Amino acid sequence: MELHVPARPAPFRFRPRAAALLVIDMQGDFLLPGGFGEALGNDVGELQRTIAPTRAVLDAARAAGLLVVHTREGHRPDLSDCPPAKRAHGRSGLRIGEPGPRGRILVRGEAGWDIVPELAPGPGEPVIDKPGKGAFHATDLEAVLRNHGIEALFVAGVTTEVCVQSTVREANDRGFRCLVLADCVASYFPEYHRVTLDMIAAQGGIAGSVGTSADVIAALASAPETVERPVLRFYEEALNAGREEAFTELLAPDVAYFNPATGTARGPEGVLAAIRGLRAAFPDLRYTVEELIAEGDRVAARFTLRGTHRGPFRGRAATGRTVEIGGSTHYRVAGGKLTEVRVFADFLGLLRQIGVD
């Protein structure tokens, strides 16, 4: 299913399951008084106008089951990853690493470094901590997007001409298509904001496209419910993030669950108990969906499962070994909920990897 959003220089097309919302550096150090932005002499009010529309598109993306990724710019407490040229910015006494009203400026773990509460990451949403302006530089952002099968990015964040533009150009070089949401990005300098958006969309969209949050929200709201969406949410929210409420939200009351690793279970509570047991043995358990095929009310997902053996499993005490197996799961979907889940995985391979003969 492909959707279209009005944009410059041409309508932006995307498939919801291959699209992600990227929220760049919505941190106190940039948006709130007492942070790095204000230390540079800027009016942070210019950036605060982005919070409400970004929250709206964030809610819509979550409701539609899109991947949401957040970034934070910041440095190690010893500043070993902060170049001297960057540290020279700001007034004396209010430079990167120095104490400010919100803690040490742009230092990881400080209050000002964190994302503003209105846009706080949700359960299971990746947060990319970056030392530079572009979100791909010295981070695993590309790997996160590739592993989720992402092709298109909706981009929000600050500032338009610095971290947003740097990231969009990096994304373009890597083959990702970007729609920059004009009302969800901002600069301390309105003219820089306008010119940067013009540059991105110039020459047929040389770096990306420019649109609005309202049009994206409308497109997502108009999309018909797909059988893939609850399956993808089950992987991200229930299995990977471990959000227990997601089992009740996504599984039908009489769901039938079959898994050689955990046994047969019935109902959301039964499935949750089975997964709790598996996660007790492999606390960092994570599924990566490699391929998804849907037909009628059925969905087949091919996945890779990775984890570390930290607890007893099938009579084998914790070994500390990392395991990786492949498998597939067949789902039946009705009314937006999973009614049947059948897991086919290399269970014997998992046992061999932890030393069970």
Protein backbone atom coordinates (compact mmCIF):
# COMPACT_ATOMS: atom_id res chain seq x y z
CA MET A 1 0.00 0.00 0.00
CA GLU A 2 1.47 3.34 -1.10
CA LEU A 3 0.31 6.72 0.17
CA HIS A 4 0.98 10.20 -1.20
CA VAL A 5 1.50 13.48 0.67
CA PRO A 6 1.46 16.99 -0.90
CA ALA A 7 5.01 18.32 -0.89
CA ARG A 8 7.58 20.41 -2.68
CA PRO A 9 8.75 19.83 -5.38
CA ALA A 10 6.30 16.93 -5.99
CA PRO A 11 3.97 14.68 -4.00
CA PHE A 12 5.91 12.47 -1.59
CA ARG A 13 5.07 8.78 -1.82
CA PHE A 14 5.69 6.24 0.92
CA ARG A 15 4.67 2.83 2.20
CA PRO A 16 3.77 3.05 5.91
CA ARG A 17 5.61 -0.12 6.83
CA ALA A 18 8.77 1.22 5.14
CA ALA A 19 8.56 4.75 6.60
CA ALA A 20 9.90 6.17 9.85
CA LEU A 21 9.60 9.40 11.80
CA LEU A 22 13.00 10.85 12.69
CA VAL A 23 12.92 13.43 15.49
CA ILE A 24 16.22 15.30 15.67
CA ASP A 25 17.70 16.83 18.84
CA MET A 26 14.56 18.09 20.57
CA GLN A 27 16.63 18.66 23.71
CA GLY A 28 16.50 21.13 26.54
CA ASP A 29 19.93 22.48 25.62
CA PHE A 30 18.46 23.75 22.35
CA LEU A 31 14.80 24.47 23.14
CA LEU A 32 14.75 25.71 26.74
CA PRO A 33 16.18 28.71 28.61
CA GLY A 34 19.58 28.12 30.14
CA GLY A 35 20.78 25.70 27.47
CA PHE A 36 23.49 25.83 24.84
CA GLY A 37 21.26 27.61 22.30
CA GLU A 38 20.61 30.48 24.66
CA ALA A 39 24.30 30.52 25.66
CA LEU A 40 25.06 31.33 22.03
CA GLY A 41 22.78 34.36 22.33
CA ASN A 42 19.73 32.92 20.60
CA ASP A 43 16.00 33.27 21.27
CA VAL A 44 14.85 29.73 22.12
CA GLY A 45 11.25 30.75 21.54
CA GLU A 46 11.87 30.37 17.80
CA LEU A 47 12.38 26.62 18.37
CA GLN A 48 9.64 26.02 20.92
CA ARG A 49 6.91 26.50 18.28
CA THR A 50 7.86 23.09 16.86
CA ILE A 51 6.89 21.16 19.98
CA ALA A 52 3.11 21.05 19.45
CA PRO A 53 3.10 20.00 15.76
CA THR A 54 5.87 17.50 16.38
CA ARG A 55 3.86 15.99 19.22
CA ALA A 56 0.86 15.67 16.91
CA VAL A 57 2.78 13.88 14.15
CA LEU A 58 4.51 11.75 16.78
CA ASP A 59 1.12 10.57 18.07
CA ALA A 60 -0.05 9.84 14.53
CA ALA A 61 3.10 7.90 13.67
CA ARG A 62 2.78 5.78 16.81
CA ALA A 63 -0.89 5.08 16.13
CA ALA A 64 -0.05 4.01 12.59
CA GLY A 65 2.71 1.66 13.77
CA LEU A 66 5.56 3.59 12.13
CA LEU A 67 9.07 3.28 13.45
CA VAL A 68 9.97 6.37 15.51
CA VAL A 69 13.64 7.26 16.02
CA HIS A 70 14.95 10.08 18.22
CA THR A 71 18.41 11.65 18.21
CA ARG A 72 20.31 13.53 20.91
CA GLU A 73 23.45 15.54 20.36
CA GLY A 74 25.89 15.35 23.23
CA HIS A 75 29.31 14.33 24.38
CA ARG A 76 31.05 12.06 26.82
CA PRO A 77 31.62 13.59 30.27
CA ASP A 78 35.38 13.77 29.57
CA LEU A 79 34.66 15.50 26.22
CA SER A 80 37.00 13.10 24.45
CA ASP A 81 34.61 13.00 21.48
CA CYS A 82 34.21 16.80 21.22
CA PRO A 83 36.63 18.54 18.84
CA PRO A 84 38.34 21.67 20.21
CA ALA A 85 36.84 23.77 17.39
CA LYS A 86 33.35 22.82 18.56
CA ARG A 87 34.15 23.50 22.21
CA ALA A 88 35.19 27.04 21.28
CA HIS A 89 31.59 28.02 20.45
CA GLY A 90 29.61 30.05 22.98
CA ARG A 91 30.43 32.72 25.49
CA SER A 92 33.19 32.16 28.03
CA GLY A 93 31.77 30.15 30.92
CA LEU A 94 28.89 28.80 28.82
CA ARG A 95 30.60 26.45 26.37
CA ILE A 96 30.16 22.73 25.79
CA GLY A 97 31.05 20.84 28.94
CA GLU A 98 30.85 23.86 31.23
CA PRO A 99 28.24 24.17 34.00
CA GLY A 100 24.98 25.85 33.06
CA PRO A 101 21.49 26.22 34.53
CA ARG A 102 20.60 22.77 33.14
CA GLY A 103 23.82 21.00 34.05
CA ARG A 104 26.98 20.68 32.00
CA ILE A 105 26.14 21.91 28.53
CA LEU A 106 25.62 19.19 25.88
CA VAL A 107 27.06 16.48 28.10
CA ARG A 108 25.37 13.09 28.09
CA GLY A 109 23.36 12.39 31.20
CA GLU A 110 22.82 16.05 32.12
CA ALA A 111 19.32 17.53 32.38
CA GLY A 112 19.76 19.86 29.40
CA TRP A 113 20.97 17.05 27.18
CA ASP A 114 17.75 15.09 27.49
CA ILE A 115 14.75 15.34 25.19
CA VAL A 116 11.98 17.70 26.30
CA PRO A 117 9.22 15.85 28.21
CA GLU A 118 6.50 16.57 25.64
CA LEU A 119 8.44 14.55 23.05
CA ALA A 120 9.97 11.88 25.29
CA PRO A 121 10.74 8.59 23.51
CA GLY A 122 8.15 5.86 23.90
CA PRO A 123 8.83 2.23 24.84
CA GLY A 124 11.03 0.53 22.28
CA GLU A 125 11.72 3.68 20.25
CA PRO A 126 15.43 3.86 19.35
CA VAL A 127 17.39 6.85 20.63
CA ILE A 128 20.55 7.68 18.70
CA ASP A 129 23.17 9.54 20.71
CA LYS A 130 25.37 11.47 18.30
CA PRO A 131 28.54 13.53 18.82
CA GLY A 132 28.15 15.59 15.64
CA LYS A 133 25.60 17.52 13.65
CA GLY A 134 24.58 14.79 11.21
CA ALA A 135 22.73 11.86 12.80
CA PHE A 136 24.59 9.28 10.70
CA HIS A 137 28.07 10.43 11.71
CA ALA A 138 29.66 8.04 14.26
CA THR A 139 26.30 6.35 15.05
CA ASP A 140 24.39 3.18 14.17
CA LEU A 141 21.40 5.05 12.72
CA GLU A 142 21.85 3.56 9.27
CA ALA A 143 21.93 0.03 10.69
CA VAL A 144 18.73 0.69 12.69
CA LEU A 145 16.91 1.94 9.59
CA ARG A 146 18.18 -0.85 7.33
CA ASN A 147 17.24 -3.52 9.86
CA HIS A 148 13.69 -2.18 9.92
CA GLY A 149 13.43 -2.06 6.13
CA ILE A 150 13.03 1.72 6.08
CA GLU A 151 13.02 3.58 2.76
CA ALA A 152 11.44 6.95 3.62
CA LEU A 153 11.91 9.37 6.52
CA PHE A 154 9.64 12.07 7.89
CA VAL A 155 12.01 14.54 9.49
CA ALA A 156 11.30 16.82 12.46
CA GLY A 157 13.67 18.60 14.82
CA VAL A 158 16.18 21.40 15.22
CA THR A 159 17.87 23.31 13.89
CA THR A 160 16.79 23.48 10.25
CA GLU A 161 20.06 24.69 8.77
CA VAL A 162 22.41 22.68 10.98
CA CYS A 163 21.51 19.24 12.36
CA VAL A 164 18.36 18.78 10.26
CA GLN A 165 19.98 19.72 6.98
CA SER A 166 23.16 17.74 7.76
CA THR A 167 21.12 14.64 8.53
CA VAL A 168 18.90 14.98 5.45
CA ARG A 169 21.92 15.26 3.18
CA GLU A 170 23.56 12.26 4.85
CA ALA A 171 20.32 10.30 4.43
CA ASN A 172 20.09 11.29 0.77
CA ASP A 173 23.62 10.02 0.13
CA ARG A 174 22.60 6.69 1.67
CA GLY A 175 19.51 6.28 -0.48
CA PHE A 176 16.82 7.25 2.03
CA ARG A 177 14.08 9.59 0.79
CA CYS A 178 13.28 12.42 3.21
CA LEU A 179 10.22 14.60 3.73
CA VAL A 180 11.15 17.52 5.97
CA LEU A 181 8.11 18.73 7.91
CA ALA A 182 8.35 22.52 7.66
CA ASP A 183 6.27 23.21 10.79
CA CYS A 184 8.18 20.62 12.84
CA VAL A 185 11.64 22.04 12.14
CA ALA A 186 12.95 25.48 13.11
CA SER A 187 15.97 27.74 13.34
CA TYR A 188 16.90 30.53 15.72
CA PHE A 189 16.99 32.58 12.51
CA PRO A 190 13.72 32.46 10.50
CA GLU A 191 15.47 33.47 7.29
CA TYR A 192 17.91 30.56 7.61
CA HIS A 193 14.94 28.23 8.12
CA ARG A 194 13.21 29.45 4.95
CA VAL A 195 16.33 29.37 2.79
CA THR A 196 17.34 25.90 3.98
CA LEU A 197 13.95 24.44 3.11
CA ASP A 198 14.22 26.04 -0.33
CA MET A 199 17.68 24.50 -0.77
CA ILE A 200 16.47 21.02 0.19
CA ALA A 201 13.61 21.08 -2.32
CA ALA A 202 15.53 22.90 -5.08
CA GLN A 203 16.37 21.34 -8.45
CA GLY A 204 13.67 18.71 -8.28
CA GLY A 205 14.34 17.82 -4.65
CA ILE A 206 18.11 17.57 -4.79
CA ALA A 207 18.32 16.71 -1.08
CA GLY A 208 14.72 15.85 -0.24
CA SER A 209 11.14 17.07 -0.12
CA VAL A 210 9.36 19.61 2.07
CA GLY A 211 5.82 19.19 3.42
CA THR A 212 3.74 19.70 6.56
CA SER A 213 2.78 17.59 9.54
CA ALA A 214 -0.94 18.09 8.88
CA ASP A 215 -0.70 16.41 5.47
CA VAL A 216 1.26 13.46 6.89
CA ILE A 217 -1.24 13.03 9.72
CA ALA A 218 -4.12 13.10 7.24
CA ALA A 219 -2.45 10.52 5.01
CA LEU A 220 -1.80 8.17 7.91
CA ALA A 221 -5.36 8.57 9.18
CA SER A 222 -6.76 7.72 5.73
CA ALA A 223 -4.73 4.55 5.37
CA PRO A 224 -6.82 1.40 5.67
CA GLU A 225 -5.96 -0.91 8.52
CA THR A 226 -3.54 -3.53 7.24
CA VAL A 227 -2.92 -7.01 8.55
CA GLU A 228 0.80 -6.24 8.69
CA ARG A 229 0.44 -3.42 11.22
CA PRO A 230 -0.49 -5.45 14.33
CA VAL A 231 2.21 -7.99 13.45
CA LEU A 232 4.92 -5.33 13.26
CA ARG A 233 3.66 -3.75 16.48
CA PHE A 234 3.77 -7.17 18.16
CA TYR A 235 7.46 -7.50 17.31
CA GLU A 236 8.43 -3.96 18.29
CA GLU A 237 6.23 -3.27 21.30
CA ALA A 238 5.56 -6.70 22.82
CA LEU A 239 8.55 -8.87 21.93
CA ASN A 240 11.38 -6.33 21.63
CA ALA A 241 10.35 -3.52 23.96
CA GLY A 242 8.69 -5.85 26.46
CA ARG A 243 5.68 -3.57 26.94
CA GLU A 244 3.28 -5.95 28.67
CA GLU A 245 0.16 -3.92 27.87
CA ALA A 246 0.85 -4.56 24.18
CA PHE A 247 0.02 -8.25 24.61
CA THR A 248 -3.54 -7.39 25.60
CA GLU A 249 -3.81 -4.67 22.96
CA LEU A 250 -2.58 -6.80 20.06
CA LEU A 251 -3.64 -10.37 20.91
CA ALA A 252 -7.23 -11.60 20.68
CA PRO A 253 -8.74 -12.90 23.96
CA ASP A 254 -8.69 -16.49 22.61
CA VAL A 255 -5.40 -16.28 20.69
CA ALA A 256 -3.69 -19.63 20.08
CA TYR A 257 0.09 -19.56 20.40
CA PHE A 258 2.44 -22.35 19.30
CA ASN A 259 6.21 -22.12 19.85
CA PRO A 260 8.67 -25.05 20.21
CA ALA A 261 10.86 -22.93 22.50
CA THR A 262 8.13 -22.01 24.99
CA GLY A 263 5.30 -24.47 24.39
CA THR A 264 1.64 -23.91 23.57
CA ALA A 265 -0.29 -21.07 25.20
CA ARG A 266 -3.79 -19.59 25.08
CA GLY A 267 -4.92 -16.02 25.58
CA PRO A 268 -2.77 -12.88 26.03
CA GLU A 269 -1.78 -13.80 29.60
CA GLY A 270 -0.63 -17.24 28.49
CA VAL A 271 1.48 -15.77 25.67
CA LEU A 272 2.91 -13.15 28.02
CA ALA A 273 3.89 -15.83 30.53
CA ALA A 274 5.62 -17.82 27.79
CA ILE A 275 7.59 -14.79 26.59
CA ARG A 276 8.49 -13.85 30.18
CA GLY A 277 10.09 -17.26 30.56
CA LEU A 278 12.06 -16.86 27.34
CA ARG A 279 13.13 -13.34 28.28
CA ALA A 280 14.25 -14.51 31.73
CA ALA A 281 16.75 -16.77 29.96
CA PHE A 282 17.65 -14.19 27.29
CA PRO A 283 17.05 -10.70 28.81
CA ASP A 284 18.30 -8.83 25.74
CA LEU A 285 16.14 -10.87 23.39
CA ARG A 286 15.51 -9.07 20.10
CA TYR A 287 13.73 -10.00 16.89
CA THR A 288 14.67 -8.45 13.56
CA VAL A 289 12.00 -8.84 10.88
CA GLU A 290 13.74 -9.68 7.63
CA GLU A 291 10.70 -10.17 5.40
CA LEU A 292 6.93 -9.88 5.66
CA ILE A 293 4.36 -11.43 3.30
CA ALA A 294 0.61 -10.88 3.67
CA GLU A 295 -2.31 -12.54 1.94
CA GLY A 296 -5.90 -12.21 3.09
CA ASP A 297 -6.02 -12.51 6.88
CA ARG A 298 -2.63 -14.23 7.11
CA VAL A 299 0.87 -12.83 7.54
CA ALA A 300 4.17 -14.70 7.33
CA ALA A 301 7.21 -13.07 8.93
CA ARG A 302 10.79 -14.23 8.48
CA PHE A 303 12.94 -13.13 11.41
CA THR A 304 16.35 -13.34 13.04
CA LEU A 305 16.41 -13.78 16.81
CA ARG A 306 19.40 -12.65 18.85
CA GLY A 307 20.08 -12.69 22.57
CA THR A 308 22.49 -13.55 25.36
CA HIS A 309 22.00 -16.62 27.57
CA ARG A 310 21.80 -15.04 31.04
CA GLY A 311 19.36 -17.38 32.82
CA PRO A 312 18.44 -21.09 33.02
CA PHE A 313 16.86 -22.52 29.87
CA ARG A 314 15.70 -26.09 29.30
CA GLY A 315 17.90 -27.38 32.11
CA ARG A 316 20.98 -25.45 31.01
CA ALA A 317 22.39 -22.88 33.42
CA ALA A 318 23.35 -19.46 32.08
CA THR A 319 26.41 -19.60 29.82
CA GLY A 320 26.76 -15.95 28.81
CA ARG A 321 26.84 -17.07 25.18
CA THR A 322 25.32 -14.97 22.41
CA VAL A 323 22.82 -16.85 20.27
CA GLU A 324 21.47 -16.09 16.82
CA ILE A 325 18.88 -18.17 15.01
CA GLY A 326 16.52 -17.72 12.10
CA GLY A 327 12.89 -18.62 11.84
CA SER A 328 9.45 -17.65 10.64
CA THR A 329 6.10 -17.05 12.28
CA HIS A 330 2.67 -17.45 10.70
CA TYR A 331 -0.07 -15.13 11.97
CA ARG A 332 -3.80 -14.95 11.49
CA VAL A 333 -5.34 -11.48 11.98
CA ALA A 334 -8.94 -10.47 12.60
CA GLY A 335 -10.29 -7.12 13.72
CA GLY A 336 -6.80 -5.70 14.07
CA LYS A 337 -5.74 -8.40 16.56
CA LEU A 338 -3.68 -11.57 16.28
CA THR A 339 -5.86 -14.67 16.64
CA GLU A 340 -3.24 -17.31 15.88
CA VAL A 341 0.56 -17.30 16.20
CA ARG A 342 2.64 -20.26 15.00
CA VAL A 343 6.41 -19.99 15.43
CA PHE A 344 8.82 -22.09 13.35
CA ALA A 345 12.41 -21.50 14.45
CA ASP A 346 15.75 -23.25 14.61
CA PHE A 347 15.16 -24.36 18.19
CA LEU A 348 17.78 -27.14 17.97
CA GLY A 349 20.29 -24.60 16.74
CA LEU A 350 19.56 -22.43 19.78
CA LEU A 351 20.12 -25.39 22.12
CA ARG A 352 23.40 -26.26 20.44
CA GLN A 353 24.61 -22.68 20.77
CA ILE A 354 24.16 -22.82 24.55
CA GLY A 355 25.79 -26.24 24.78
CA VAL A 356 22.79 -28.57 25.07
CA ASP A 357 23.43 -31.83 23.20
